[in-house]
N, C-alpha and C. Protein backbone atom coordinates (compact mmCIF):
# COMPACT_ATOMS: atom_id res chain seq x y z
N MET A 1 0.88 -1.16 0.05
CA MET A 1 -0.03 -0.03 -0.05
C MET A 1 0.81 1.11 -0.06
N MET A 2 0.63 2.06 -0.78
CA MET A 2 1.43 3.62 -0.97
C MET A 2 0.47 4.57 -0.70
N ILE A 3 1.19 5.58 -0.02
CA ILE A 3 0.39 6.99 -0.07
C ILE A 3 1.69 7.84 -0.63
N GLY A 4 1.08 8.42 -1.69
CA GLY A 4 2.14 9.33 -2.55
C GLY A 4 3.40 8.42 -2.81
N ASP A 5 4.50 8.90 -2.37
CA ASP A 5 5.82 8.21 -2.61
C ASP A 5 6.28 7.33 -1.59
N LYS A 6 5.42 7.03 -0.50
CA LYS A 6 5.57 6.40 0.83
C LYS A 6 4.94 4.95 0.82
N LYS A 7 5.75 4.09 1.45
CA LYS A 7 5.13 2.72 1.49
C LYS A 7 4.49 2.80 3.08
N VAL A 8 3.25 2.26 3.25
CA VAL A 8 2.57 2.00 4.46
C VAL A 8 3.20 0.79 5.14
N VAL A 9 3.91 0.84 6.17
CA VAL A 9 4.52 -0.22 6.73
C VAL A 9 3.83 -0.87 8.21
N HIS A 10 3.00 0.11 8.57
CA HIS A 10 2.27 -0.40 9.80
C HIS A 10 1.16 0.52 10.01
N THR A 11 -0.15 0.13 10.44
CA THR A 11 -1.22 1.05 10.77
C THR A 11 -1.77 0.20 12.07
N ALA A 12 -2.37 1.07 13.10
CA ALA A 12 -3.00 0.70 14.00
C ALA A 12 -4.20 1.78 14.47
N SER A 13 -5.23 1.05 14.93
CA SER A 13 -6.47 1.70 15.27
C SER A 13 -6.66 1.57 16.77
N LEU A 14 -6.88 2.43 17.70
CA LEU A 14 -6.80 2.37 19.16
C LEU A 14 -7.86 3.25 19.71
N ILE A 15 -8.48 2.53 20.63
CA ILE A 15 -9.24 3.37 21.48
C ILE A 15 -8.75 3.46 22.82
N ILE A 16 -8.37 4.66 23.45
CA ILE A 16 -7.64 4.69 24.64
C ILE A 16 -8.40 5.35 25.65
N PRO A 17 -8.66 4.86 26.80
CA PRO A 17 -9.38 5.57 27.77
C PRO A 17 -8.39 6.74 28.33
N GLU A 18 -8.93 7.86 28.85
CA GLU A 18 -8.41 8.93 29.55
C GLU A 18 -7.36 8.35 30.49
N ASN A 19 -6.01 9.05 30.45
CA ASN A 19 -5.13 8.63 31.56
C ASN A 19 -4.53 7.13 31.32
N GLU A 20 -4.74 6.50 30.29
CA GLU A 20 -4.09 5.07 29.87
C GLU A 20 -3.16 5.37 28.75
N LYS A 21 -2.12 4.45 28.86
CA LYS A 21 -1.23 4.30 27.72
C LYS A 21 -1.44 3.01 26.82
N ALA A 22 -1.36 3.22 25.52
CA ALA A 22 -1.48 2.11 24.66
C ALA A 22 -0.03 1.75 24.24
N SER A 23 0.31 0.28 23.90
CA SER A 23 1.57 0.14 23.59
C SER A 23 1.50 -1.01 22.45
N PHE A 24 2.24 -0.94 21.49
CA PHE A 24 2.23 -1.83 20.33
C PHE A 24 3.72 -2.03 19.84
N ASP A 25 3.91 -3.14 19.00
CA ASP A 25 5.07 -3.28 18.50
C ASP A 25 5.18 -3.57 17.11
N PHE A 26 5.95 -3.29 16.29
CA PHE A 26 6.11 -3.48 14.85
C PHE A 26 7.60 -3.46 14.51
N SER A 27 7.80 -3.91 13.30
CA SER A 27 9.32 -4.01 12.96
C SER A 27 9.16 -3.45 11.45
N VAL A 28 10.36 -2.93 11.28
CA VAL A 28 10.50 -2.19 9.79
C VAL A 28 11.92 -2.72 9.53
N GLY A 29 12.10 -3.77 8.48
CA GLY A 29 13.56 -4.35 8.59
C GLY A 29 14.05 -4.67 9.41
N ASN A 30 15.32 -4.47 10.12
CA ASN A 30 15.91 -5.01 11.11
C ASN A 30 15.34 -4.26 12.32
N TRP A 31 14.79 -3.13 12.42
CA TRP A 31 14.33 -2.27 13.44
C TRP A 31 13.08 -2.61 14.02
N GLU A 32 13.14 -2.99 15.34
CA GLU A 32 12.17 -3.68 16.08
C GLU A 32 11.60 -2.19 16.91
N ILE A 33 10.37 -1.89 16.89
CA ILE A 33 10.01 -0.75 17.27
C ILE A 33 8.91 -1.22 18.29
N ASN A 34 9.24 -0.72 19.77
CA ASN A 34 8.25 -0.91 20.79
C ASN A 34 7.99 0.60 21.14
N LEU A 35 6.53 0.96 20.90
CA LEU A 35 6.05 2.15 20.93
C LEU A 35 5.05 2.32 21.98
N GLN A 36 4.99 3.32 22.92
CA GLN A 36 3.75 3.62 23.76
C GLN A 36 3.07 4.90 23.29
N VAL A 37 1.95 5.23 23.42
CA VAL A 37 0.96 6.26 22.83
C VAL A 37 0.23 6.74 24.19
N PHE A 38 0.19 7.91 24.37
CA PHE A 38 -0.31 8.54 25.71
C PHE A 38 -1.11 9.77 25.18
N CYS A 39 -2.04 10.08 25.32
CA CYS A 39 -2.79 11.31 25.30
C CYS A 39 -2.87 12.08 26.59
N LYS A 40 -2.46 13.31 26.55
CA LYS A 40 -2.32 14.05 27.76
C LYS A 40 -3.02 15.39 27.64
N ILE A 41 -3.70 15.65 28.83
CA ILE A 41 -4.50 16.83 29.02
C ILE A 41 -3.57 17.70 29.97
N ASP A 42 -3.37 19.04 29.33
CA ASP A 42 -2.56 20.05 30.11
C ASP A 42 -3.25 21.15 30.37
N LYS A 43 -4.04 21.52 31.15
CA LYS A 43 -4.70 22.64 31.54
C LYS A 43 -3.96 23.98 31.50
N ASP A 44 -2.68 23.86 31.78
CA ASP A 44 -1.69 25.15 31.87
C ASP A 44 -1.17 25.36 30.34
N GLU A 45 -1.36 24.54 29.34
CA GLU A 45 -1.12 24.75 28.01
C GLU A 45 -2.03 25.27 27.29
N ALA A 46 -2.13 26.21 26.59
CA ALA A 46 -3.21 26.88 25.87
C ALA A 46 -3.44 26.22 24.32
N LYS A 47 -2.24 25.95 23.91
CA LYS A 47 -2.12 25.23 22.56
C LYS A 47 -2.64 23.99 22.50
N GLN A 48 -3.49 23.38 21.35
CA GLN A 48 -3.91 22.25 21.15
C GLN A 48 -3.06 21.51 20.35
N GLY A 49 -3.05 20.36 20.14
CA GLY A 49 -2.45 19.44 19.18
C GLY A 49 -0.98 19.42 19.24
N ILE A 50 -0.39 19.39 20.41
CA ILE A 50 1.14 19.19 20.62
C ILE A 50 1.27 17.68 20.35
N LEU A 51 2.42 17.45 19.35
CA LEU A 51 2.90 16.16 19.31
C LEU A 51 4.34 16.04 19.90
N ALA A 52 4.84 15.11 20.58
CA ALA A 52 6.06 14.86 21.09
C ALA A 52 6.62 13.38 21.24
N VAL A 53 7.68 13.19 21.03
CA VAL A 53 8.26 11.71 21.37
C VAL A 53 9.44 11.99 22.44
N GLU A 54 9.34 11.19 23.50
CA GLU A 54 10.17 11.07 24.36
C GLU A 54 10.56 9.62 24.68
N ILE A 55 11.77 9.61 24.95
CA ILE A 55 12.30 8.07 25.32
C ILE A 55 12.02 7.99 26.86
N ILE A 56 11.30 7.17 27.42
CA ILE A 56 11.46 6.72 28.80
C ILE A 56 11.37 5.31 29.01
N ASP A 57 12.49 5.18 29.81
CA ASP A 57 13.32 3.73 30.24
C ASP A 57 13.43 2.95 28.91
N GLY A 58 13.94 3.84 28.00
CA GLY A 58 14.44 3.03 26.44
C GLY A 58 13.46 2.90 25.65
N ILE A 59 11.99 3.15 26.01
CA ILE A 59 10.83 3.10 25.02
C ILE A 59 10.52 4.33 24.33
N PRO A 60 10.28 4.56 23.22
CA PRO A 60 9.84 5.80 22.64
C PRO A 60 8.30 6.01 22.87
N ASN A 61 7.90 7.01 23.47
CA ASN A 61 6.54 7.46 24.01
C ASN A 61 6.01 8.59 23.30
N MET A 62 5.11 8.42 22.46
CA MET A 62 4.34 9.37 21.64
C MET A 62 3.39 10.11 22.45
N ILE A 63 3.58 11.31 22.53
CA ILE A 63 2.82 12.06 23.69
C ILE A 63 1.95 13.00 22.92
N LEU A 64 0.61 12.97 23.03
CA LEU A 64 -0.49 13.91 22.33
C LEU A 64 -1.00 14.75 23.32
N THR A 65 -0.41 16.01 23.33
CA THR A 65 -1.09 16.89 24.56
C THR A 65 -2.00 17.72 24.01
N ASN A 66 -3.16 17.59 24.44
CA ASN A 66 -4.50 18.51 24.26
C ASN A 66 -5.13 18.24 23.00
N TRP A 67 -5.16 16.91 22.53
CA TRP A 67 -5.67 16.65 21.23
C TRP A 67 -7.40 16.46 21.87
N LEU A 68 -7.88 17.40 21.87
CA LEU A 68 -9.28 17.47 22.62
C LEU A 68 -10.54 17.75 21.68
N ASN A 69 -10.43 17.64 20.37
CA ASN A 69 -11.38 17.97 19.54
C ASN A 69 -12.16 16.74 19.21
N SER A 70 -13.75 16.87 19.62
CA SER A 70 -14.49 15.72 19.32
C SER A 70 -14.64 15.56 17.53
N LEU A 71 -14.44 16.68 17.01
CA LEU A 71 -14.71 16.49 15.56
C LEU A 71 -13.37 15.87 15.00
N GLY A 72 -12.32 15.85 15.55
CA GLY A 72 -11.05 15.24 15.22
C GLY A 72 -9.98 16.28 14.79
N MET A 73 -8.77 15.67 15.13
CA MET A 73 -7.56 16.44 14.84
C MET A 73 -6.47 15.49 13.96
N ALA A 74 -5.55 15.86 13.33
CA ALA A 74 -4.63 15.01 12.60
C ALA A 74 -3.44 15.68 12.21
N THR A 75 -2.47 15.04 12.10
CA THR A 75 -1.29 15.83 11.32
C THR A 75 -1.65 15.78 9.91
N ILE A 76 -0.99 17.13 9.39
CA ILE A 76 -1.68 17.32 8.06
C ILE A 76 -0.54 16.70 6.88
N GLU A 77 0.39 16.35 7.18
CA GLU A 77 1.72 15.83 6.57
C GLU A 77 2.44 14.94 7.44
N PRO A 78 2.96 13.71 6.69
CA PRO A 78 3.81 12.87 7.45
C PRO A 78 5.06 13.66 8.37
N VAL A 79 5.11 13.02 9.57
CA VAL A 79 5.96 13.85 10.44
C VAL A 79 7.15 12.62 10.59
N GLU A 80 8.65 13.19 10.30
CA GLU A 80 9.56 12.26 10.34
C GLU A 80 9.70 11.65 11.68
N PHE A 81 9.97 10.35 11.92
CA PHE A 81 9.87 9.74 13.13
C PHE A 81 11.22 9.15 13.28
N GLY A 82 12.09 8.76 12.34
CA GLY A 82 13.33 8.14 12.27
C GLY A 82 13.82 7.70 11.03
N THR A 83 15.27 7.09 11.04
CA THR A 83 15.81 6.70 9.91
C THR A 83 16.27 5.09 10.26
N THR A 84 16.01 4.15 9.19
CA THR A 84 16.21 3.00 9.29
C THR A 84 17.89 2.67 9.07
N ASP A 85 18.22 1.52 9.23
CA ASP A 85 19.81 1.06 9.16
C ASP A 85 20.04 1.14 7.74
N SER A 86 19.25 1.01 6.91
CA SER A 86 19.50 1.09 5.54
C SER A 86 19.30 2.44 4.71
N GLY A 87 19.01 3.45 5.63
CA GLY A 87 18.97 4.91 5.15
C GLY A 87 17.53 5.42 4.71
N ASN A 88 16.38 4.57 5.02
CA ASN A 88 15.21 5.02 4.56
C ASN A 88 14.60 5.97 5.74
N LYS A 89 13.78 6.78 5.46
CA LYS A 89 13.02 7.75 6.53
C LYS A 89 11.84 7.04 6.90
N LEU A 90 11.51 7.05 8.31
CA LEU A 90 10.25 6.36 8.62
C LEU A 90 9.63 7.51 9.03
N TYR A 91 8.20 7.75 8.77
CA TYR A 91 7.43 8.84 8.99
C TYR A 91 6.13 8.18 9.54
N THR A 92 5.20 8.99 10.50
CA THR A 92 4.09 8.87 10.94
C THR A 92 3.04 9.91 10.57
N MET A 93 1.92 9.52 10.49
CA MET A 93 0.53 10.15 10.56
C MET A 93 -0.61 9.60 11.41
N ILE A 94 -1.05 10.87 12.02
CA ILE A 94 -2.16 10.53 13.14
C ILE A 94 -3.34 11.06 12.88
N SER A 95 -4.53 10.45 13.14
CA SER A 95 -5.70 11.22 13.14
C SER A 95 -6.37 10.84 14.48
N GLN A 96 -7.11 11.60 15.21
CA GLN A 96 -7.68 11.48 16.48
C GLN A 96 -8.88 12.10 16.79
N TRP A 97 -9.69 11.49 17.47
CA TRP A 97 -10.80 12.11 18.17
C TRP A 97 -11.08 11.87 19.49
N TYR A 98 -11.60 12.87 20.34
CA TYR A 98 -11.47 12.80 21.75
C TYR A 98 -13.21 12.80 22.02
N ILE A 99 -13.68 11.61 22.42
CA ILE A 99 -15.21 11.65 22.56
C ILE A 99 -15.45 11.29 24.04
N GLY A 100 -16.07 12.00 24.92
CA GLY A 100 -16.46 11.44 26.25
C GLY A 100 -15.30 10.99 27.03
N GLY A 101 -14.15 11.58 26.86
CA GLY A 101 -12.98 11.08 27.77
C GLY A 101 -12.19 9.69 27.24
N VAL A 102 -12.67 9.50 25.88
CA VAL A 102 -12.09 8.32 25.20
C VAL A 102 -11.34 8.89 23.98
N ASN A 103 -10.02 8.61 23.51
CA ASN A 103 -9.33 8.73 22.63
C ASN A 103 -9.37 7.67 21.66
N LYS A 104 -9.85 8.13 20.33
CA LYS A 104 -10.00 7.10 19.36
C LYS A 104 -8.85 7.78 18.38
N ILE A 105 -7.62 6.80 18.08
CA ILE A 105 -6.66 7.02 17.32
C ILE A 105 -6.30 6.28 16.23
N ASP A 106 -6.17 6.90 14.98
CA ASP A 106 -5.48 6.27 13.74
C ASP A 106 -4.08 6.42 13.59
N ILE A 107 -3.18 5.50 13.64
CA ILE A 107 -1.77 5.86 13.53
C ILE A 107 -1.20 5.22 12.36
N GLN A 108 -0.36 5.63 11.53
CA GLN A 108 0.21 4.77 10.52
C GLN A 108 1.57 5.37 10.37
N PHE A 109 2.52 4.39 9.80
CA PHE A 109 3.78 4.63 9.68
C PHE A 109 4.12 4.33 8.28
N LEU A 110 4.87 5.13 7.86
CA LEU A 110 5.35 5.03 6.17
C LEU A 110 6.79 5.24 5.96
N LEU A 111 7.26 4.36 5.05
CA LEU A 111 8.54 4.48 4.67
C LEU A 111 8.91 4.99 3.24
N GLY A 112 9.91 5.75 3.06
CA GLY A 112 10.26 6.31 1.91
C GLY A 112 10.46 7.81 1.86
N GLY A 113 10.04 8.23 0.68
CA GLY A 113 9.91 9.64 0.66
C GLY A 113 10.58 10.00 -0.82
N GLU A 114 11.27 11.28 -0.71
CA GLU A 114 11.78 11.81 -1.94
C GLU A 114 12.76 11.02 -2.54
N ASN A 115 13.62 10.37 -1.71
CA ASN A 115 14.69 9.46 -2.01
C ASN A 115 14.32 8.02 -2.39
N GLY A 116 12.78 7.80 -2.33
CA GLY A 116 12.59 6.30 -2.61
C GLY A 116 13.09 5.38 -1.30
N ILE A 117 12.81 4.17 -1.75
CA ILE A 117 13.12 3.19 -0.57
C ILE A 117 14.24 2.37 -0.85
N ASN A 118 15.30 2.31 0.11
CA ASN A 118 16.36 1.62 -0.06
C ASN A 118 16.22 0.09 0.42
N GLU A 119 16.64 -0.87 -0.47
CA GLU A 119 16.42 -2.24 0.03
C GLU A 119 17.58 -2.55 0.97
């Protein structure tokens, strides 16, 4: 499956209760990715839709801060997540809805880009 010039390598659909973390594993080539996703509400932060990745205890944690729109929020273009050992760029895209204290998240990871995919 392709989106533009990028190959979709993993897709997850998650329903995460407020204050809970979701975790999942997938691999891209020789790269084993263990990822946690957490939706955080920060009443002191006025800005909505903050996306950050922090390494906690050696595990990448994708933190979505103040993604609070029941009509949905999304990254509008692929966000670079990392680079594989063969030099391919790994990107992510997220769509999210916050409904009644529950986060519905669709997340996908894409490989490639302007330089194609190195085998």
